[in-house]
Amino acid sequence: MYKELCQAVEEWIDIYEKDTEPLPAATTGKNYSGKFVVRDGKELHKSLAIDALRRGKSLNSYCVNLLKEESPLYRIHKCKPRISEQNRNPTSSRK
């Protein structure tokens, strides 16, 4: 999967260069605040708030969970532990 993702990125860069479009700014090392404003409209806001209440969650945590579920990159990063995390406690699984 990682190989295919890298290939897609390379192809995307090639397309930008051929179209003489500037590449977007790099995000490596960028710090994020962990919050952003979404203008969702009154009806969607109401619907999300009702759904959150029905589930006993705050609107914020409900929306965060929805975003996590729909973010393929977030799922990839959460599903594949880093090698250093896998080897952190090698003796704990031995019996």
N, C-alpha and C. Protein backbone atom coordinates (compact mmCIF):
# COMPACT_ATOMS: atom_id res chain seq x y z
N MET A 1 0.82 -1.19 0.00
CA MET A 1 0.00 0.00 0.00
C MET A 1 0.87 1.26 0.00
N TYR A 2 1.93 1.25 0.82
CA TYR A 2 2.80 2.41 0.91
C TYR A 2 3.47 2.69 -0.43
N LYS A 3 3.88 1.63 -1.10
CA LYS A 3 4.53 1.78 -2.41
C LYS A 3 3.59 2.45 -3.40
N GLU A 4 2.32 2.01 -3.40
CA GLU A 4 1.34 2.60 -4.31
C GLU A 4 1.07 4.07 -3.98
N LEU A 5 1.05 4.37 -2.69
CA LEU A 5 0.84 5.76 -2.27
C LEU A 5 1.99 6.64 -2.74
N CYS A 6 3.22 6.15 -2.58
CA CYS A 6 4.39 6.91 -3.04
C CYS A 6 4.35 7.12 -4.54
N GLN A 7 3.94 6.10 -5.27
CA GLN A 7 3.84 6.21 -6.73
C GLN A 7 2.79 7.26 -7.12
N ALA A 8 1.67 7.26 -6.42
CA ALA A 8 0.62 8.24 -6.70
C ALA A 8 1.12 9.66 -6.45
N VAL A 9 1.88 9.84 -5.38
CA VAL A 9 2.43 11.17 -5.07
C VAL A 9 3.40 11.60 -6.16
N GLU A 10 4.25 10.70 -6.60
CA GLU A 10 5.21 11.02 -7.66
C GLU A 10 4.48 11.41 -8.95
N GLU A 11 3.43 10.67 -9.30
CA GLU A 11 2.66 10.99 -10.51
C GLU A 11 1.99 12.35 -10.37
N TRP A 12 1.48 12.64 -9.19
CA TRP A 12 0.83 13.92 -8.93
C TRP A 12 1.82 15.06 -9.09
N ILE A 13 3.04 14.88 -8.58
CA ILE A 13 4.09 15.90 -8.72
C ILE A 13 4.42 16.10 -10.19
N ASP A 14 4.54 15.01 -10.94
CA ASP A 14 4.82 15.11 -12.38
C ASP A 14 3.74 15.92 -13.11
N ILE A 15 2.49 15.68 -12.76
CA ILE A 15 1.38 16.41 -13.40
C ILE A 15 1.49 17.90 -13.09
N TYR A 16 1.77 18.24 -11.84
CA TYR A 16 1.92 19.64 -11.46
C TYR A 16 3.05 20.29 -12.25
N GLU A 17 4.18 19.58 -12.36
CA GLU A 17 5.32 20.14 -13.07
C GLU A 17 5.02 20.33 -14.56
N LYS A 18 4.33 19.37 -15.17
CA LYS A 18 3.97 19.49 -16.58
C LYS A 18 3.01 20.64 -16.82
N ASP A 19 2.10 20.86 -15.86
CA ASP A 19 1.14 21.96 -15.98
C ASP A 19 1.73 23.28 -15.50
N THR A 20 2.99 23.28 -15.11
CA THR A 20 3.70 24.44 -14.55
C THR A 20 2.94 25.09 -13.40
N GLU A 21 2.30 24.24 -12.61
CA GLU A 21 1.60 24.71 -11.41
C GLU A 21 2.57 24.60 -10.22
N PRO A 22 2.55 25.57 -9.33
CA PRO A 22 3.41 25.44 -8.15
C PRO A 22 2.87 24.37 -7.21
N LEU A 23 3.77 23.63 -6.59
CA LEU A 23 3.35 22.62 -5.62
C LEU A 23 2.85 23.30 -4.35
N PRO A 24 1.91 22.68 -3.67
CA PRO A 24 1.45 23.25 -2.39
C PRO A 24 2.60 23.31 -1.40
N ALA A 25 2.48 24.16 -0.43
CA ALA A 25 3.51 24.30 0.60
C ALA A 25 3.67 23.00 1.37
N ALA A 26 4.88 22.69 1.76
CA ALA A 26 5.16 21.47 2.52
C ALA A 26 4.51 21.53 3.89
N THR A 27 4.07 20.38 4.38
CA THR A 27 3.47 20.32 5.71
C THR A 27 4.36 19.61 6.72
N THR A 28 5.49 19.06 6.26
CA THR A 28 6.40 18.37 7.16
C THR A 28 6.92 19.35 8.21
N GLY A 29 6.81 18.97 9.45
CA GLY A 29 7.29 19.81 10.54
C GLY A 29 6.34 20.92 10.94
N LYS A 30 5.23 21.05 10.24
CA LYS A 30 4.28 22.11 10.56
C LYS A 30 3.52 21.75 11.84
N ASN A 31 3.34 22.72 12.70
CA ASN A 31 2.57 22.50 13.92
C ASN A 31 1.11 22.87 13.67
N TYR A 32 0.21 22.01 14.14
CA TYR A 32 -1.22 22.26 14.00
C TYR A 32 -1.82 22.50 15.37
N SER A 33 -2.80 23.38 15.44
CA SER A 33 -3.41 23.73 16.72
C SER A 33 -4.37 22.65 17.22
N GLY A 34 -4.88 21.83 16.32
CA GLY A 34 -5.84 20.81 16.72
C GLY A 34 -7.27 21.29 16.65
N LYS A 35 -7.47 22.44 16.02
CA LYS A 35 -8.84 22.94 15.87
C LYS A 35 -8.95 23.71 14.56
N PHE A 36 -10.14 23.68 13.98
CA PHE A 36 -10.44 24.46 12.79
C PHE A 36 -11.94 24.72 12.75
N VAL A 37 -12.33 25.74 12.05
CA VAL A 37 -13.74 26.13 11.97
C VAL A 37 -14.35 25.54 10.71
N VAL A 38 -15.51 24.94 10.87
CA VAL A 38 -16.24 24.38 9.74
C VAL A 38 -17.58 25.10 9.66
N ARG A 39 -17.86 25.68 8.51
CA ARG A 39 -19.16 26.31 8.29
C ARG A 39 -20.05 25.28 7.62
N ASP A 40 -20.93 24.70 8.41
CA ASP A 40 -21.71 23.56 7.93
C ASP A 40 -23.16 23.88 7.60
N GLY A 41 -23.63 25.04 7.91
CA GLY A 41 -25.03 25.38 7.65
C GLY A 41 -25.92 24.99 8.82
N LYS A 42 -27.05 25.66 8.94
CA LYS A 42 -27.94 25.47 10.10
C LYS A 42 -28.54 24.07 10.17
N GLU A 43 -28.98 23.54 9.04
CA GLU A 43 -29.64 22.23 9.05
C GLU A 43 -28.67 21.11 9.40
N LEU A 44 -27.48 21.13 8.82
CA LEU A 44 -26.50 20.10 9.14
C LEU A 44 -26.05 20.22 10.59
N HIS A 45 -25.86 21.45 11.06
CA HIS A 45 -25.48 21.69 12.45
C HIS A 45 -26.53 21.07 13.39
N LYS A 46 -27.79 21.34 13.09
CA LYS A 46 -28.89 20.81 13.91
C LYS A 46 -28.90 19.27 13.87
N SER A 47 -28.76 18.71 12.70
CA SER A 47 -28.78 17.26 12.54
C SER A 47 -27.63 16.60 13.30
N LEU A 48 -26.44 17.18 13.19
CA LEU A 48 -25.27 16.63 13.90
C LEU A 48 -25.46 16.74 15.41
N ALA A 49 -25.99 17.87 15.87
CA ALA A 49 -26.20 18.06 17.30
C ALA A 49 -27.20 17.04 17.85
N ILE A 50 -28.26 16.79 17.11
CA ILE A 50 -29.27 15.80 17.54
C ILE A 50 -28.67 14.40 17.57
N ASP A 51 -27.92 14.05 16.52
CA ASP A 51 -27.27 12.74 16.48
C ASP A 51 -26.31 12.56 17.65
N ALA A 52 -25.55 13.61 17.96
CA ALA A 52 -24.61 13.55 19.08
C ALA A 52 -25.35 13.33 20.39
N LEU A 53 -26.43 14.08 20.60
CA LEU A 53 -27.22 13.92 21.82
C LEU A 53 -27.78 12.51 21.95
N ARG A 54 -28.26 11.97 20.85
CA ARG A 54 -28.80 10.60 20.87
C ARG A 54 -27.75 9.57 21.28
N ARG A 55 -26.53 9.85 20.98
CA ARG A 55 -25.43 8.93 21.28
C ARG A 55 -24.75 9.27 22.61
N GLY A 56 -25.22 10.31 23.26
CA GLY A 56 -24.65 10.70 24.55
C GLY A 56 -23.27 11.30 24.44
N LYS A 57 -22.99 11.94 23.32
CA LYS A 57 -21.68 12.55 23.08
C LYS A 57 -21.82 14.05 22.90
N SER A 58 -20.71 14.74 23.09
CA SER A 58 -20.71 16.16 22.76
C SER A 58 -20.67 16.29 21.25
N LEU A 59 -21.11 17.42 20.76
CA LEU A 59 -21.08 17.65 19.32
C LEU A 59 -19.65 17.56 18.80
N ASN A 60 -18.71 18.10 19.55
CA ASN A 60 -17.31 18.06 19.13
C ASN A 60 -16.79 16.63 19.02
N SER A 61 -16.94 15.83 20.06
CA SER A 61 -16.40 14.47 20.02
C SER A 61 -17.11 13.63 18.96
N TYR A 62 -18.40 13.86 18.77
CA TYR A 62 -19.15 13.15 17.74
C TYR A 62 -18.59 13.47 16.35
N CYS A 63 -18.37 14.74 16.08
CA CYS A 63 -17.85 15.15 14.77
C CYS A 63 -16.41 14.67 14.57
N VAL A 64 -15.60 14.71 15.62
CA VAL A 64 -14.22 14.21 15.52
C VAL A 64 -14.24 12.74 15.14
N ASN A 65 -15.11 11.95 15.79
CA ASN A 65 -15.19 10.52 15.46
C ASN A 65 -15.64 10.30 14.02
N LEU A 66 -16.60 11.10 13.56
CA LEU A 66 -17.04 10.98 12.17
C LEU A 66 -15.89 11.28 11.21
N LEU A 67 -15.13 12.32 11.49
CA LEU A 67 -14.01 12.68 10.63
C LEU A 67 -12.94 11.59 10.63
N LYS A 68 -12.65 11.02 11.79
CA LYS A 68 -11.66 9.95 11.88
C LYS A 68 -12.10 8.74 11.05
N GLU A 69 -13.37 8.39 11.14
CA GLU A 69 -13.89 7.23 10.41
C GLU A 69 -13.78 7.42 8.90
N GLU A 70 -13.88 8.64 8.43
CA GLU A 70 -13.89 8.91 6.99
C GLU A 70 -12.53 9.30 6.43
N SER A 71 -11.53 9.42 7.28
CA SER A 71 -10.20 9.83 6.82
C SER A 71 -9.34 8.61 6.54
N PRO A 72 -9.12 8.28 5.26
CA PRO A 72 -8.32 7.09 4.95
C PRO A 72 -6.89 7.20 5.46
N LEU A 73 -6.29 8.37 5.40
CA LEU A 73 -4.92 8.51 5.87
C LEU A 73 -4.83 8.36 7.39
N TYR A 74 -5.84 8.85 8.09
CA TYR A 74 -5.85 8.69 9.55
C TYR A 74 -5.93 7.22 9.90
N ARG A 75 -6.77 6.46 9.19
CA ARG A 75 -6.90 5.03 9.46
C ARG A 75 -5.59 4.30 9.17
N ILE A 76 -4.89 4.67 8.11
CA ILE A 76 -3.61 4.02 7.78
C ILE A 76 -2.62 4.24 8.91
N HIS A 77 -2.50 5.48 9.38
CA HIS A 77 -1.53 5.78 10.43
C HIS A 77 -1.90 5.11 11.75
N LYS A 78 -3.19 4.99 12.06
CA LYS A 78 -3.61 4.38 13.31
C LYS A 78 -3.51 2.86 13.26
N CYS A 79 -3.63 2.26 12.11
CA CYS A 79 -3.64 0.80 12.00
C CYS A 79 -2.25 0.20 11.97
N LYS A 80 -1.29 0.92 11.46
CA LYS A 80 0.06 0.36 11.31
C LYS A 80 0.97 0.96 12.38
N PRO A 81 1.28 0.18 13.43
CA PRO A 81 2.21 0.71 14.44
C PRO A 81 3.60 0.85 13.85
N ARG A 82 4.32 1.83 14.32
CA ARG A 82 5.68 2.03 13.86
C ARG A 82 6.55 0.88 14.35
N ILE A 83 7.63 0.62 13.65
CA ILE A 83 8.52 -0.47 14.02
C ILE A 83 9.03 -0.27 15.44
N SER A 84 9.35 0.98 15.81
CA SER A 84 9.85 1.24 17.16
C SER A 84 8.79 0.91 18.20
N GLU A 85 7.49 1.09 17.87
CA GLU A 85 6.43 0.76 18.81
C GLU A 85 6.26 -0.75 18.92
N GLN A 86 6.46 -1.47 17.82
CA GLN A 86 6.33 -2.92 17.85
C GLN A 86 7.43 -3.55 18.68
N ASN A 87 8.62 -2.97 18.67
CA ASN A 87 9.77 -3.53 19.36
C ASN A 87 10.01 -2.91 20.73
N ARG A 88 9.10 -2.07 21.19
CA ARG A 88 9.31 -1.35 22.44
C ARG A 88 9.40 -2.30 23.63
N ASN A 89 8.55 -3.33 23.66
CA ASN A 89 8.51 -4.26 24.77
C ASN A 89 8.58 -5.69 24.27
N PRO A 90 9.69 -6.10 23.69
CA PRO A 90 9.75 -7.41 23.06
C PRO A 90 9.58 -8.58 24.02
N THR A 91 9.89 -8.41 25.31
CA THR A 91 9.79 -9.52 26.25
C THR A 91 8.41 -9.65 26.86
N SER A 92 7.56 -8.62 26.73
CA SER A 92 6.24 -8.66 27.37
C SER A 92 5.33 -9.70 26.75
N SER A 93 5.54 -10.08 25.49
CA SER A 93 4.68 -11.07 24.85
C SER A 93 5.18 -12.49 25.04
N ARG A 94 6.39 -12.65 25.58
CA ARG A 94 6.94 -14.00 25.81
C ARG A 94 6.42 -14.54 27.14
N LYS A 95 6.15 -15.85 27.16
CA LYS A 95 5.69 -16.47 28.42
C LYS A 95 6.48 -17.69 28.73
